[in-house]
C-alpha cells in the first residue's frame, strides 16, 4: 500500500513539475513581452481608453435605472 501511495505521489509531482516547466518556458515570456509592447504603445495604439474600460451598469446602452438612492 505504501509503495502504491508513493507511486501516486511521484506521478502527481511529475505532472506538477511538467506543468510548471511548460508554463514558465512557453507562456510567461510571451506574457511579459506583450505587456512591454502594450506599455510602449506598439499594441492598441489607436484605441481610446474610455472605450476599453468596463462601463458602469448605468453607462451601458439599453439599461434603464429603476431605483437610485
N, C-alpha and C. Protein backbone atom coordinates (compact mmCIF):
# COMPACT_ATOMS: atom_id res chain seq x y z
N UNK A 1 0.83 -1.19 0.00
CA UNK A 1 0.00 0.00 0.00
C UNK A 1 0.87 1.26 0.00
N UNK A 2 1.92 1.24 0.81
CA UNK A 2 2.81 2.39 0.88
C UNK A 2 3.52 2.64 -0.44
N UNK A 3 3.88 1.55 -1.12
CA UNK A 3 4.56 1.70 -2.41
C UNK A 3 3.61 2.31 -3.44
N UNK A 4 2.35 1.92 -3.40
CA UNK A 4 1.36 2.47 -4.33
C UNK A 4 1.14 3.96 -4.06
N UNK A 5 1.04 4.34 -2.78
CA UNK A 5 0.87 5.76 -2.45
C UNK A 5 2.10 6.57 -2.85
N UNK A 6 3.27 5.99 -2.70
CA UNK A 6 4.49 6.67 -3.15
C UNK A 6 4.50 6.85 -4.65
N UNK A 7 4.02 5.85 -5.37
CA UNK A 7 3.93 5.95 -6.83
C UNK A 7 2.95 7.04 -7.23
N UNK A 8 1.81 7.11 -6.56
CA UNK A 8 0.84 8.17 -6.86
C UNK A 8 1.42 9.55 -6.56
N UNK A 9 2.15 9.66 -5.46
CA UNK A 9 2.80 10.92 -5.13
C UNK A 9 3.83 11.30 -6.19
N UNK A 10 4.60 10.32 -6.64
CA UNK A 10 5.60 10.57 -7.68
C UNK A 10 4.94 11.05 -8.97
N UNK A 11 3.88 10.39 -9.39
CA UNK A 11 3.17 10.78 -10.62
C UNK A 11 2.60 12.19 -10.48
N UNK A 12 2.02 12.49 -9.32
CA UNK A 12 1.45 13.82 -9.10
C UNK A 12 2.53 14.89 -9.17
N UNK A 13 3.66 14.65 -8.51
CA UNK A 13 4.75 15.63 -8.53
C UNK A 13 5.33 15.78 -9.94
N UNK A 14 5.40 14.68 -10.68
CA UNK A 14 5.92 14.76 -12.05
C UNK A 14 5.00 15.59 -12.93
N UNK A 15 3.69 15.42 -12.78
CA UNK A 15 2.75 16.21 -13.57
C UNK A 15 2.82 17.69 -13.19
N UNK A 16 2.93 17.98 -11.90
CA UNK A 16 3.06 19.37 -11.45
C UNK A 16 4.34 20.00 -11.99
N UNK A 17 5.43 19.27 -11.94
CA UNK A 17 6.69 19.79 -12.45
C UNK A 17 6.65 20.02 -13.95
N UNK A 18 6.04 19.10 -14.68
CA UNK A 18 5.93 19.26 -16.13
C UNK A 18 5.09 20.48 -16.46
N UNK A 19 3.98 20.67 -15.74
CA UNK A 19 3.13 21.82 -15.99
C UNK A 19 3.87 23.12 -15.68
N UNK A 20 4.60 23.15 -14.58
CA UNK A 20 5.34 24.37 -14.21
C UNK A 20 6.40 24.71 -15.24
N UNK A 21 7.14 23.71 -15.69
CA UNK A 21 8.16 23.98 -16.71
C UNK A 21 7.53 24.45 -18.01
N UNK A 22 6.44 23.83 -18.41
CA UNK A 22 5.76 24.24 -19.63
C UNK A 22 5.26 25.67 -19.51
N UNK A 23 4.69 26.01 -18.37
CA UNK A 23 4.17 27.36 -18.16
C UNK A 23 5.30 28.38 -18.19
N UNK A 24 6.39 28.09 -17.48
CA UNK A 24 7.49 29.05 -17.40
C UNK A 24 8.17 29.24 -18.75
N UNK A 25 8.38 28.17 -19.48
CA UNK A 25 9.11 28.26 -20.74
C UNK A 25 8.22 28.74 -21.88
N UNK A 26 6.94 28.35 -21.85
CA UNK A 26 6.09 28.61 -23.00
C UNK A 26 5.20 29.82 -22.92
N UNK A 27 4.73 30.16 -21.75
CA UNK A 27 3.70 31.19 -21.65
C UNK A 27 4.23 32.49 -21.06
N UNK A 28 5.04 32.41 -20.03
CA UNK A 28 5.49 33.62 -19.33
C UNK A 28 6.27 34.57 -20.23
N UNK A 29 7.21 34.12 -21.07
CA UNK A 29 7.92 35.08 -21.93
C UNK A 29 6.99 35.85 -22.87
N UNK A 30 6.01 35.18 -23.44
CA UNK A 30 5.07 35.87 -24.32
C UNK A 30 4.23 36.87 -23.54
N UNK A 31 3.84 36.50 -22.34
CA UNK A 31 3.05 37.39 -21.49
C UNK A 31 3.85 38.64 -21.14
N UNK A 32 5.13 38.47 -20.80
CA UNK A 32 5.96 39.62 -20.44
C UNK A 32 6.21 40.53 -21.64
N UNK A 33 6.51 39.97 -22.79
CA UNK A 33 6.77 40.80 -23.96
C UNK A 33 5.50 41.50 -24.43
N UNK A 34 4.35 40.87 -24.27
CA UNK A 34 3.10 41.52 -24.63
C UNK A 34 2.85 42.73 -23.74
N UNK A 35 3.11 42.59 -22.45
CA UNK A 35 2.92 43.71 -21.54
C UNK A 35 3.84 44.87 -21.85
N UNK A 36 5.09 44.58 -22.19
CA UNK A 36 6.05 45.64 -22.52
C UNK A 36 5.63 46.32 -23.82
N UNK A 37 5.22 45.55 -24.81
CA UNK A 37 4.81 46.14 -26.08
C UNK A 37 3.57 47.01 -25.91
N UNK A 38 2.66 46.58 -25.06
CA UNK A 38 1.46 47.38 -24.82
C UNK A 38 1.81 48.67 -24.09
N UNK A 39 2.76 48.59 -23.17
CA UNK A 39 3.15 49.79 -22.41
C UNK A 39 3.79 50.84 -23.32
N UNK A 40 4.59 50.40 -24.28
CA UNK A 40 5.26 51.35 -25.16
C UNK A 40 4.42 51.72 -26.38
N UNK A 41 3.18 51.29 -26.43
CA UNK A 41 2.27 51.74 -27.47
C UNK A 41 2.34 50.98 -28.77
N UNK A 42 2.98 49.82 -28.78
CA UNK A 42 3.04 49.04 -30.02
C UNK A 42 1.77 48.24 -30.24
N UNK A 43 1.04 47.99 -29.18
CA UNK A 43 -0.23 47.27 -29.26
C UNK A 43 -1.32 48.22 -28.75
N UNK A 44 -2.45 48.24 -29.40
CA UNK A 44 -3.59 49.08 -29.01
C UNK A 44 -3.24 50.57 -29.04
N UNK A 45 -2.48 50.97 -30.03
CA UNK A 45 -2.06 52.36 -30.11
C UNK A 45 -3.24 53.28 -30.43
N UNK A 46 -4.14 52.85 -31.28
CA UNK A 46 -5.21 53.72 -31.75
C UNK A 46 -6.50 53.57 -30.95
N UNK A 47 -6.46 52.89 -29.83
CA UNK A 47 -7.70 52.69 -29.08
C UNK A 47 -7.87 53.79 -28.03
N UNK A 48 -9.12 54.11 -27.77
CA UNK A 48 -9.46 55.11 -26.76
C UNK A 48 -9.61 54.42 -25.41
N UNK A 49 -8.95 54.89 -24.37
CA UNK A 49 -9.05 54.21 -23.07
C UNK A 49 -10.47 54.16 -22.51
N UNK A 50 -11.30 55.16 -22.84
CA UNK A 50 -12.68 55.14 -22.34
C UNK A 50 -13.51 54.05 -23.01
N UNK A 51 -13.14 53.67 -24.24
CA UNK A 51 -13.86 52.58 -24.90
C UNK A 51 -13.41 51.23 -24.37
N UNK A 52 -12.17 51.14 -23.93
CA UNK A 52 -11.62 49.87 -23.47
C UNK A 52 -12.10 49.53 -22.07
N UNK A 53 -12.23 50.53 -21.21
CA UNK A 53 -12.59 50.25 -19.82
C UNK A 53 -14.01 49.71 -19.72
N UNK A 54 -14.24 48.94 -18.69
CA UNK A 54 -15.56 48.37 -18.45
C UNK A 54 -16.48 49.47 -17.93
N UNK A 55 -17.61 49.64 -18.58
CA UNK A 55 -18.53 50.71 -18.21
C UNK A 55 -19.39 50.28 -17.03
N UNK A 56 -19.81 51.28 -16.26
CA UNK A 56 -20.73 51.01 -15.17
C UNK A 56 -22.07 50.58 -15.74
N UNK A 57 -22.87 49.98 -14.92
CA UNK A 57 -24.17 49.48 -15.38
C UNK A 57 -25.03 50.62 -15.91
N UNK A 58 -24.97 51.77 -15.26
CA UNK A 58 -25.80 52.90 -15.70
C UNK A 58 -25.28 53.53 -16.98
N UNK A 59 -24.04 53.29 -17.34
CA UNK A 59 -23.46 53.85 -18.56
C UNK A 59 -23.66 52.97 -19.78
N UNK A 60 -24.10 51.74 -19.58
CA UNK A 60 -24.25 50.81 -20.69
C UNK A 60 -25.51 51.14 -21.49
N UNK A 61 -25.45 50.95 -22.81
CA UNK A 61 -26.63 51.24 -23.62
C UNK A 61 -27.73 50.21 -23.38
N UNK A 62 -28.95 50.69 -23.36
CA UNK A 62 -30.10 49.81 -23.19
C UNK A 62 -30.42 49.47 -21.76
N UNK A 63 -29.77 50.12 -20.80
CA UNK A 63 -30.02 49.85 -19.39
C UNK A 63 -30.80 51.02 -18.81
N UNK A 64 -31.89 50.71 -18.15
CA UNK A 64 -32.71 51.74 -17.52
C UNK A 64 -32.66 51.55 -16.01
N UNK A 65 -32.35 52.61 -15.30
CA UNK A 65 -32.26 52.55 -13.85
C UNK A 65 -33.65 52.76 -13.27
N UNK A 66 -34.12 51.78 -12.50
CA UNK A 66 -35.45 51.88 -11.91
C UNK A 66 -35.42 52.50 -10.52
N UNK A 67 -34.33 52.30 -9.81
CA UNK A 67 -34.24 52.82 -8.45
C UNK A 67 -32.84 53.33 -8.20
N UNK A 68 -32.74 54.54 -7.68
CA UNK A 68 -31.44 55.11 -7.39
C UNK A 68 -31.53 55.82 -6.05
N UNK A 69 -30.58 55.53 -5.15
CA UNK A 69 -30.59 56.17 -3.83
C UNK A 69 -30.28 57.64 -3.92
